[in-house]
Amino acid sequence: MDRVKTLRADGRRNRERIIAAAAELVGRDGAQASLEEIARRAGVGSATLHRHFPSRRALLEAVFRAGVAQLCERAAAQPGEDPIAELTAWLEEMTVYTATHRGLAAALLAGPDGLSPEELCCTDMLLDVLEVLVARASSVDALHAGATAEDLMLLVNAIAVATEDDPSTASRLLRLALTGIRSENRNGTPRA
């Protein structure tokens, strides 16, 4: 990470373009996306890609961490005006992200050069922002009392694994599941 801070502006832009292109192609082709195509899509040469990311694993790790950071930023930016809608939208975004970035975490964990689960884990970051969204939804009595951030994280991961590379099914299943966690009005109907 220190190296990223010391890059010149053009180097930072190249790095950002490489990560963006890699995220798009990993979403489309999985963790084995072509490095040459990533460089081409980013508008840089292969040498530039390898100067920033000496290995596929280094690039995939940057893509993974950038995606998690963006999810966390979007959760933290929620205004709290409609807590259940904001929670639902963010959970759906996380589910779709996880389902479409096929094999990214598995690729980072695999092989002798793979990261340990502890090194890769961004769960704490995600749980921190999810806990805020859950607390807001709970404060307006929009969730069943027993629903926790950990429960919702497990639900999202299970749906994403079951629907890998099928974001529309992932979204549909999550919406179905979330209907079951919403608390009911006095007349027995789910809150919106």
Protein backbone atom coordinates (compact mmCIF):
# COMPACT_ATOMS: atom_id res chain seq x y z
CA MET A 1 0.00 0.00 0.00
CA ASP A 2 2.90 2.43 0.67
CA ARG A 3 3.91 2.06 -2.97
CA VAL A 4 0.46 3.20 -4.11
CA LYS A 5 0.78 6.41 -2.07
CA THR A 6 4.12 7.28 -3.68
CA LEU A 7 2.94 6.95 -7.29
CA ARG A 8 2.82 10.00 -9.50
CA ALA A 9 -0.62 11.11 -10.67
CA ASP A 10 -0.31 9.29 -14.01
CA GLY A 11 0.80 6.12 -12.21
CA ARG A 12 -2.20 6.33 -9.86
CA ARG A 13 -4.54 6.81 -12.82
CA ASN A 14 -3.01 3.79 -14.61
CA ARG A 15 -3.38 1.69 -11.47
CA GLU A 16 -7.02 2.76 -11.03
CA ARG A 17 -7.79 2.02 -14.69
CA ILE A 18 -6.19 -1.42 -14.40
CA ILE A 19 -8.22 -2.23 -11.29
CA ALA A 20 -11.44 -1.00 -12.93
CA ALA A 21 -10.80 -3.03 -16.09
CA ALA A 22 -9.87 -6.09 -14.05
CA ALA A 23 -13.02 -5.79 -11.93
CA GLU A 24 -15.16 -5.64 -15.05
CA LEU A 25 -13.45 -8.59 -16.71
CA VAL A 26 -13.34 -10.71 -13.54
CA GLY A 27 -17.07 -10.07 -13.24
CA ARG A 28 -17.53 -11.30 -16.80
CA ASP A 29 -14.88 -14.04 -17.10
CA GLY A 30 -14.03 -15.00 -13.54
CA ALA A 31 -10.70 -14.90 -11.75
CA GLN A 32 -8.88 -16.32 -14.78
CA ALA A 33 -9.64 -13.24 -16.90
CA SER A 34 -6.93 -12.54 -19.46
CA LEU A 35 -4.24 -10.19 -18.15
CA GLU A 36 -3.57 -9.04 -21.70
CA GLU A 37 -7.22 -8.12 -22.17
CA ILE A 38 -7.22 -6.31 -18.82
CA ALA A 39 -4.21 -4.24 -19.93
CA ARG A 40 -5.83 -3.53 -23.30
CA ARG A 41 -9.14 -2.52 -21.68
CA ALA A 42 -7.26 -0.25 -19.23
CA GLY A 43 -5.37 1.39 -22.11
CA VAL A 44 -1.95 0.37 -20.81
CA GLY A 45 0.73 -2.01 -21.95
CA SER A 46 1.38 -5.39 -20.41
CA ALA A 47 4.59 -4.07 -18.84
CA THR A 48 2.66 -1.30 -17.09
CA LEU A 49 0.16 -3.82 -15.72
CA HIS A 50 2.99 -6.00 -14.41
CA ARG A 51 4.86 -3.03 -12.96
CA HIS A 52 1.81 -2.23 -10.82
CA PHE A 53 0.80 -5.86 -10.19
CA PRO A 54 3.69 -8.32 -10.36
CA SER A 55 1.33 -11.31 -10.15
CA ARG A 56 -2.25 -12.24 -10.97
CA ARG A 57 -2.83 -12.70 -7.23
CA ALA A 58 -1.70 -9.12 -6.51
CA LEU A 59 -4.13 -7.78 -9.11
CA LEU A 60 -7.01 -9.94 -7.89
CA GLU A 61 -6.35 -8.87 -4.31
CA ALA A 62 -6.49 -5.20 -5.36
CA VAL A 63 -9.74 -5.83 -7.24
CA PHE A 64 -11.25 -7.64 -4.26
CA ARG A 65 -10.25 -4.98 -1.74
CA ALA A 66 -11.37 -2.12 -4.01
CA GLY A 67 -14.77 -3.74 -4.47
CA VAL A 68 -15.24 -4.25 -0.74
CA ALA A 69 -14.11 -0.68 -0.04
CA GLN A 70 -16.66 0.66 -2.55
CA LEU A 71 -19.43 -1.39 -0.96
CA CYS A 72 -18.49 -0.06 2.46
CA GLU A 73 -18.36 3.53 1.20
CA ARG A 74 -21.83 3.23 -0.30
CA ALA A 75 -23.21 1.76 2.93
CA ALA A 76 -21.63 4.53 5.00
CA ALA A 77 -23.09 7.15 2.63
CA GLN A 78 -26.68 6.04 3.26
CA PRO A 79 -28.55 9.00 4.77
CA GLY A 80 -30.74 6.98 7.12
CA GLU A 81 -33.95 8.44 5.74
CA ASP A 82 -35.52 5.08 4.82
CA PRO A 83 -33.60 2.51 6.86
CA ILE A 84 -35.21 -0.69 5.54
CA ALA A 85 -35.00 0.42 1.90
CA GLU A 86 -31.35 1.43 2.37
CA LEU A 87 -30.51 -1.87 4.10
CA THR A 88 -32.30 -3.88 1.42
CA ALA A 89 -30.64 -2.00 -1.45
CA TRP A 90 -27.18 -2.40 0.06
CA LEU A 91 -27.65 -6.10 0.82
CA GLU A 92 -28.77 -6.61 -2.77
CA GLU A 93 -25.73 -4.74 -4.06
CA MET A 94 -23.43 -6.87 -1.91
CA THR A 95 -25.15 -10.08 -3.04
CA VAL A 96 -24.88 -9.17 -6.72
CA TYR A 97 -21.24 -8.10 -6.32
CA THR A 98 -20.37 -11.38 -4.64
CA ALA A 99 -22.31 -13.49 -7.14
CA THR A 100 -20.80 -11.77 -10.18
CA HIS A 101 -17.17 -11.77 -9.11
CA ARG A 102 -16.93 -15.46 -9.70
CA GLY A 103 -14.22 -17.27 -7.87
CA LEU A 104 -12.37 -14.13 -6.82
CA ALA A 105 -12.06 -14.98 -3.13
CA ALA A 106 -11.45 -18.66 -3.90
CA ALA A 107 -8.67 -17.75 -6.35
CA LEU A 108 -7.00 -15.57 -3.77
CA LEU A 109 -7.09 -18.35 -1.17
CA ALA A 110 -5.88 -21.10 -3.53
CA GLY A 111 -2.42 -22.45 -4.11
CA PRO A 112 0.88 -22.12 -2.32
CA ASP A 113 1.01 -18.34 -2.91
CA GLY A 114 -2.58 -17.87 -1.78
CA LEU A 115 -3.58 -15.64 1.06
CA SER A 116 -4.77 -17.07 4.32
CA PRO A 117 -8.45 -16.47 5.11
CA GLU A 118 -7.31 -14.02 7.79
CA GLU A 119 -5.23 -12.01 5.30
CA LEU A 120 -8.06 -11.88 2.78
CA CYS A 121 -10.90 -11.34 5.18
CA CYS A 122 -12.76 -8.05 4.85
CA THR A 123 -15.67 -9.33 6.88
CA ASP A 124 -15.03 -6.90 9.73
CA MET A 125 -15.21 -3.93 7.35
CA LEU A 126 -18.47 -5.17 5.89
CA LEU A 127 -19.95 -6.03 9.28
CA ASP A 128 -19.12 -2.58 10.65
CA VAL A 129 -21.18 -0.82 8.00
CA LEU A 130 -23.87 -3.50 7.99
CA GLU A 131 -24.32 -3.16 11.75
CA VAL A 132 -25.11 0.54 11.29
CA LEU A 133 -27.72 -0.24 8.62
CA VAL A 134 -29.24 -3.01 10.77
CA ALA A 135 -29.36 -0.74 13.83
CA ARG A 136 -31.17 1.94 11.84
CA ALA A 137 -33.72 -0.53 10.46
CA SER A 138 -34.21 -2.03 13.93
CA SER A 139 -34.69 1.41 15.48
CA VAL A 140 -37.79 1.97 13.34
CA ASP A 141 -39.05 -1.54 14.11
CA ALA A 142 -38.51 -2.67 10.51
CA LEU A 143 -36.66 -5.94 11.33
CA HIS A 144 -37.50 -8.91 13.48
CA ALA A 145 -35.84 -8.43 16.84
CA GLY A 146 -33.52 -11.42 16.36
CA ALA A 147 -32.10 -10.41 12.97
CA THR A 148 -28.39 -9.53 13.26
CA ALA A 149 -25.78 -8.19 10.90
CA GLU A 150 -24.02 -11.55 11.09
CA ASP A 151 -27.24 -13.34 10.09
CA LEU A 152 -27.66 -11.08 7.08
CA MET A 153 -24.01 -11.49 6.07
CA LEU A 154 -24.38 -15.27 6.18
CA LEU A 155 -27.61 -15.03 4.16
CA VAL A 156 -25.96 -12.85 1.49
CA ASN A 157 -22.94 -15.16 1.23
CA ALA A 158 -25.12 -18.28 0.97
CA ILE A 159 -27.26 -16.76 -1.78
CA ALA A 160 -24.20 -15.47 -3.66
CA VAL A 161 -22.48 -18.86 -3.55
CA ALA A 162 -25.66 -20.65 -4.67
CA THR A 163 -26.22 -18.22 -7.55
CA GLU A 164 -22.67 -17.57 -8.70
CA ASP A 165 -22.69 -15.86 -12.11
CA ASP A 166 -26.48 -15.33 -11.97
CA PRO A 167 -27.03 -11.86 -10.48
CA SER A 168 -30.73 -11.68 -11.37
CA THR A 169 -31.47 -14.91 -9.47
CA ALA A 170 -29.27 -13.68 -6.60
CA SER A 171 -31.32 -10.46 -6.40
CA ARG A 172 -34.63 -12.31 -6.59
CA LEU A 173 -33.66 -14.81 -3.88
CA LEU A 174 -32.39 -12.07 -1.61
CA ARG A 175 -35.63 -10.10 -2.00
CA LEU A 176 -37.60 -13.24 -1.16
CA ALA A 177 -35.47 -13.89 1.90
CA LEU A 178 -35.67 -10.28 3.06
CA THR A 179 -39.43 -10.35 2.91
CA GLY A 180 -39.19 -12.96 5.64
CA ILE A 181 -37.05 -10.81 7.95
CA ARG A 182 -39.20 -7.71 7.87
CA SER A 183 -41.32 -7.09 10.90
CA GLU A 184 -45.06 -6.84 10.49
CA ASN A 185 -47.46 -3.96 11.12
CA ARG A 186 -50.17 -4.45 13.69
CA ASN A 187 -52.48 -5.67 10.92
CA GLY A 188 -50.02 -8.46 10.00
CA THR A 189 -48.66 -7.05 6.75
CA PRO A 190 -44.92 -6.60 6.14
CA ARG A 191 -43.56 -3.08 6.45
CA ALA A 192 -42.30 -1.62 3.18
